[in-house]
Protein backbone atom coordinates (compact mmCIF):
# COMPACT_ATOMS: atom_id res chain seq x y z
CA MET A 1 82.25 65.09 63.37
CA ARG A 2 80.73 67.72 61.11
CA PRO A 3 77.38 69.18 62.23
CA ASP A 4 74.45 67.34 60.69
CA MET A 5 72.64 69.79 58.39
CA SER A 6 70.18 67.24 56.98
CA GLN A 7 67.31 68.36 59.23
CA GLN A 8 67.39 71.80 57.61
CA SER A 9 66.70 70.36 54.15
CA GLY A 10 64.02 67.98 55.43
CA GLU A 11 66.04 64.96 54.35
CA LEU A 12 67.91 62.65 56.69
CA ASP A 13 71.50 61.80 55.85
CA PHE A 14 72.54 58.28 56.81
CA SER A 15 75.87 58.45 55.00
CA ARG A 16 77.66 59.62 58.15
CA ARG A 17 77.15 59.74 61.90
CA ALA A 18 74.76 62.44 63.06
CA GLN A 19 75.73 64.84 65.81
CA LEU A 20 72.57 64.73 67.89
CA HIS A 21 71.63 64.69 71.57
CA GLU A 22 69.94 61.86 73.46
CA ILE A 23 67.91 62.40 76.59
CA MET A 24 69.88 59.63 78.28
CA ASP A 25 73.09 61.64 77.88
CA GLY A 26 71.71 64.46 80.00
CA THR A 27 70.89 64.67 83.69
CA CYS A 28 67.77 62.64 84.47
CA GLU A 29 65.97 62.24 87.77
CA ARG A 30 65.74 58.65 88.95
CA GLU A 31 61.93 58.78 88.74
CA TYR A 32 62.31 59.45 85.02
CA LEU A 33 65.30 57.21 84.37
CA ARG A 34 63.97 53.98 85.91
CA PRO A 35 60.86 53.62 83.66
CA TYR A 36 62.98 54.74 80.70
CA LEU A 37 65.44 51.91 81.37
CA GLU A 38 62.64 49.39 81.94
CA SER A 39 61.16 50.33 78.57
CA LEU A 40 64.55 50.04 76.87
CA ALA A 41 65.14 46.65 78.48
CA LEU A 42 61.78 45.49 77.09
CA VAL A 43 62.89 46.51 73.60
CA ASN A 44 66.15 44.62 74.06
CA ARG A 45 64.29 41.46 75.07
CA LEU A 46 61.78 41.68 72.22
CA LEU A 47 64.49 42.29 69.62
CA LEU A 48 66.86 39.65 71.04
CA ALA A 49 69.53 42.30 71.44
CA MET A 50 71.89 40.09 73.45
CA ARG A 51 71.89 37.30 70.87
CA PRO A 52 75.11 38.50 69.13
CA THR A 53 77.00 38.84 72.40
CA LEU A 54 75.94 35.43 73.67
CA ALA A 55 76.75 33.80 70.33
CA TRP A 56 80.26 35.28 70.51
CA LEU A 57 80.73 34.05 74.07
CA ASP A 58 79.61 30.59 72.91
CA SER A 59 82.20 30.70 70.13
CA LEU A 60 85.02 31.23 72.64
CA GLN A 61 84.40 27.79 74.15
CA LEU A 62 85.29 29.04 77.60
CA PRO A 63 86.31 26.34 80.09
CA ARG A 64 83.48 24.83 82.12
CA ASN A 65 83.91 24.90 85.88
CA GLY A 66 87.42 26.23 85.51
CA GLU A 67 88.93 29.43 86.84
CA PRO A 68 86.41 32.30 86.83
CA VAL A 69 86.35 34.28 83.59
CA ARG A 70 86.49 38.00 84.33
CA ILE A 71 83.99 39.90 82.17
CA LEU A 72 83.67 43.68 82.24
CA ASP A 73 80.59 45.36 80.75
CA VAL A 74 81.36 49.01 79.91
CA GLY A 75 78.39 51.37 79.86
CA CYS A 76 76.30 48.72 81.59
CA GLY A 77 73.27 50.98 82.08
CA TYR A 78 70.27 49.13 83.53
CA GLY A 79 72.37 45.97 83.81
CA ASP A 80 69.99 43.75 81.87
CA GLY A 81 72.76 42.70 79.48
CA LEU A 82 75.10 41.62 82.25
CA ARG A 83 72.31 39.82 84.08
CA ARG A 84 71.64 37.90 80.86
CA ILE A 85 75.34 36.99 80.65
CA GLU A 86 75.19 35.76 84.24
CA ARG A 87 72.24 33.54 83.35
CA TRP A 88 74.13 32.28 80.28
CA SER A 89 77.13 31.41 82.46
CA ARG A 90 74.98 29.34 84.81
CA GLU A 91 73.33 27.54 81.92
CA HIS A 92 76.73 26.67 80.43
CA GLY A 93 78.63 25.88 83.62
CA VAL A 94 81.10 28.71 83.03
CA ARG A 95 82.35 30.36 86.21
CA VAL A 96 82.48 34.14 85.87
CA GLU A 97 83.35 37.30 87.74
CA LEU A 98 81.10 40.00 86.34
CA THR A 99 81.58 43.75 86.67
CA GLY A 100 79.28 46.43 85.32
CA LEU A 101 80.83 49.87 84.82
CA ASP A 102 78.90 53.04 84.08
CA LEU A 103 79.70 56.74 84.30
CA ASN A 104 76.24 57.62 85.64
CA PRO A 105 75.80 56.81 89.36
CA GLU A 106 72.03 56.65 88.90
CA MET A 107 72.52 53.87 86.36
CA THR A 108 74.64 51.71 88.63
CA ALA A 109 72.33 52.35 91.58
CA ILE A 110 69.28 51.27 89.58
CA ALA A 111 71.17 48.27 88.16
CA ALA A 112 72.10 47.16 91.69
CA GLU A 113 68.55 47.64 92.98
CA THR A 114 67.13 45.63 90.08
CA THR A 115 69.55 42.72 90.46
CA GLY A 116 68.57 39.76 92.62
CA ALA A 117 70.32 39.02 95.90
CA ASP A 118 71.66 35.75 94.49
CA SER A 119 73.66 37.58 91.82
CA GLY A 120 77.41 37.94 92.00
CA ILE A 121 77.60 41.00 89.72
CA ARG A 122 79.62 43.95 90.99
CA TRP A 123 78.44 47.42 89.93
CA VAL A 124 81.01 50.21 89.65
CA THR A 125 80.52 53.90 88.88
CA GLY A 126 83.33 55.47 86.90
CA ASP A 127 84.83 56.64 83.63
CA VAL A 128 86.24 53.74 81.64
CA PHE A 129 89.28 55.78 80.65
CA ALA A 130 90.14 56.35 84.30
CA TYR A 131 89.15 52.85 85.43
CA VAL A 132 92.03 50.68 86.63
CA PRO A 133 90.82 47.16 87.50
CA GLN A 134 92.69 45.25 90.19
CA ARG A 135 93.03 42.42 87.69
CA ARG A 136 92.74 42.80 83.94
CA PRO A 137 89.42 41.51 82.59
CA ASP A 138 89.58 38.51 80.32
CA ILE A 139 86.72 39.89 78.24
CA VAL A 140 85.36 43.39 77.73
CA VAL A 141 81.85 43.78 76.31
CA SER A 142 79.61 46.75 75.64
CA ALA A 143 76.12 47.18 74.25
CA LEU A 144 74.63 50.39 72.85
CA PHE A 145 77.58 52.27 74.33
CA THR A 146 79.92 53.29 71.53
CA HIS A 147 77.39 55.37 69.59
CA HIS A 148 77.34 57.75 72.58
CA LEU A 149 81.03 58.50 71.94
CA SER A 150 82.75 60.73 69.41
CA ASN A 151 84.93 59.03 66.81
CA ASP A 152 88.05 60.02 68.73
CA GLU A 153 86.58 58.53 71.91
CA VAL A 154 85.65 55.31 70.09
CA THR A 155 89.23 55.01 68.88
CA ARG A 156 90.47 55.55 72.41
CA PHE A 157 88.02 52.93 73.70
CA LEU A 158 89.23 50.39 71.14
CA ARG A 159 92.81 50.95 72.29
CA TRP A 160 91.71 50.66 75.92
CA MET A 161 90.08 47.29 75.27
CA GLU A 162 93.14 46.09 73.38
CA ASP A 163 95.38 47.05 76.28
CA ASN A 164 93.17 45.74 79.07
CA SER A 165 91.52 42.53 77.83
CA THR A 166 93.40 39.24 77.83
CA THR A 167 91.00 37.09 75.77
CA GLY A 168 89.12 39.55 73.61
CA TRP A 169 86.36 42.12 73.35
CA PHE A 170 82.93 42.50 71.81
CA ILE A 171 81.02 45.64 70.80
CA ASN A 172 77.27 45.24 70.29
CA ASP A 173 75.81 48.39 68.73
CA LEU A 174 73.42 49.64 66.09
CA SER A 175 73.63 49.76 62.32
CA ARG A 176 73.02 53.21 60.85
CA ALA A 177 70.45 52.95 58.07
CA ALA A 178 67.12 54.42 57.03
CA THR A 179 65.06 51.23 57.29
CA PRO A 180 65.69 50.50 61.01
CA TYR A 181 65.30 54.21 61.76
CA TYR A 182 61.77 54.41 60.38
CA LEU A 183 60.77 50.94 61.56
CA PHE A 184 61.79 51.76 65.12
CA LYS A 185 59.86 55.04 65.09
CA TRP A 186 56.75 53.10 64.02
CA PHE A 187 57.34 50.28 66.51
CA ALA A 188 58.02 52.63 69.44
CA ARG A 189 54.78 54.50 68.94
CA LEU A 190 52.72 51.35 68.38
CA ALA A 191 54.18 49.71 71.50
CA ARG A 192 53.73 52.94 73.49
CA LEU A 193 57.29 52.87 74.73
CA HIS A 194 58.53 55.42 77.22
CA PRO A 195 58.64 58.89 75.56
CA GLY A 196 62.40 59.09 76.17
CA VAL A 197 62.95 55.80 74.35
CA GLN A 198 60.71 56.96 71.51
CA HIS A 199 63.01 59.96 71.13
CA ASP A 200 66.38 58.33 71.78
CA GLY A 201 65.91 55.14 69.76
CA PRO A 202 65.84 56.77 66.31
CA VAL A 203 68.51 59.26 67.39
CA SER A 204 70.74 56.35 68.46
CA ILE A 205 70.41 54.80 65.02
CA ARG A 206 71.47 58.03 63.35
CA ARG A 207 74.46 58.30 65.72
CA ALA A 208 75.48 54.70 65.04
CA PHE A 209 77.85 53.09 62.56
CA ALA A 210 78.31 51.56 59.15
CA VAL A 211 80.89 48.93 58.24
CA ASN A 212 83.31 51.48 56.77
CA ASP A 213 83.15 53.52 59.98
CA TRP A 214 84.37 50.55 61.99
CA ARG A 215 87.13 49.79 59.49
CA GLU A 216 88.41 53.35 59.78
CA LEU A 217 88.07 53.44 63.58
CA ASN A 218 89.97 50.18 64.04
CA ALA A 219 92.68 51.38 61.69
CA ALA A 220 92.94 54.63 63.66
CA ALA A 221 93.30 52.55 66.83
CA GLY A 222 96.15 50.59 65.26
CA ILE A 223 94.21 47.32 65.17
CA SER A 224 94.79 45.26 62.05
CA ALA A 225 91.71 44.44 59.97
CA GLU A 226 92.67 40.76 59.96
CA HIS A 227 92.27 40.64 63.75
CA VAL A 228 88.76 42.14 63.85
CA THR A 229 85.38 40.78 62.80
CA ILE A 230 82.62 43.19 61.78
CA ALA A 231 79.25 41.47 61.44
CA GLY A 232 75.67 42.58 60.98
CA TRP A 233 72.89 40.96 62.98
CA LYS A 234 69.17 41.33 62.44
CA PRO A 235 67.46 43.44 63.47
CA ALA A 236 69.65 46.51 62.97
CA ARG A 237 72.77 45.45 64.86
CA LEU A 238 76.38 45.90 63.78
CA CYS A 239 78.88 44.16 66.02
CA VAL A 240 82.66 44.33 66.20
CA SER A 241 84.76 41.70 67.90
CA ARG A 242 88.35 40.77 68.56
CA ARG A 243 89.59 37.37 69.71
CA LYS A 244 93.18 37.33 70.92
């Protein structure tokens, strides 16, 4: 990606992905990271962030009370998304084997500590590109993960999901645009969100994607456009899915 020079002119450029740093991408003490993640999870609940993922899972019409469906959540973070999928599975009578994978050991430790004892979720620390599951997941999902990657890494991740999922994959990420950027800045201050979330939220939007980005990234990964669905969801989500 080219360096983002828009800050120097005082104008923000949403025509391409910005090359910016998020606090979450650095080294954070657990005392800082836990309230950050709790604040981010609150935002996800208020904005119904898991709605696209759950709607896609519904559309698969997975067998009820059949063999467990193996679902891998890459970049699972706090684990709130995977816990919501576990609740969905119980509500729909779908047996699942859930694994949350994250590169940051503090993330998986906090996710495990926050998850109830009755949960069957397995939390794994590791790099997705080095991760070799004992059995291929049926479904790979991610949420707010891909915008942390470079374009080359996103392409590699798309190929990884193609090679390792048996049923399909779903990317739930942000839509890069001025309106959600400014609305989130206003909302974060009004709601007195964690300072790290106030910083990283708008940055995440500027690092995120537009429809054409995803078309080019899928093409670079060798995935035909006819096999991929790119869909916007309000508020400010742009999701990419593949059903095999």
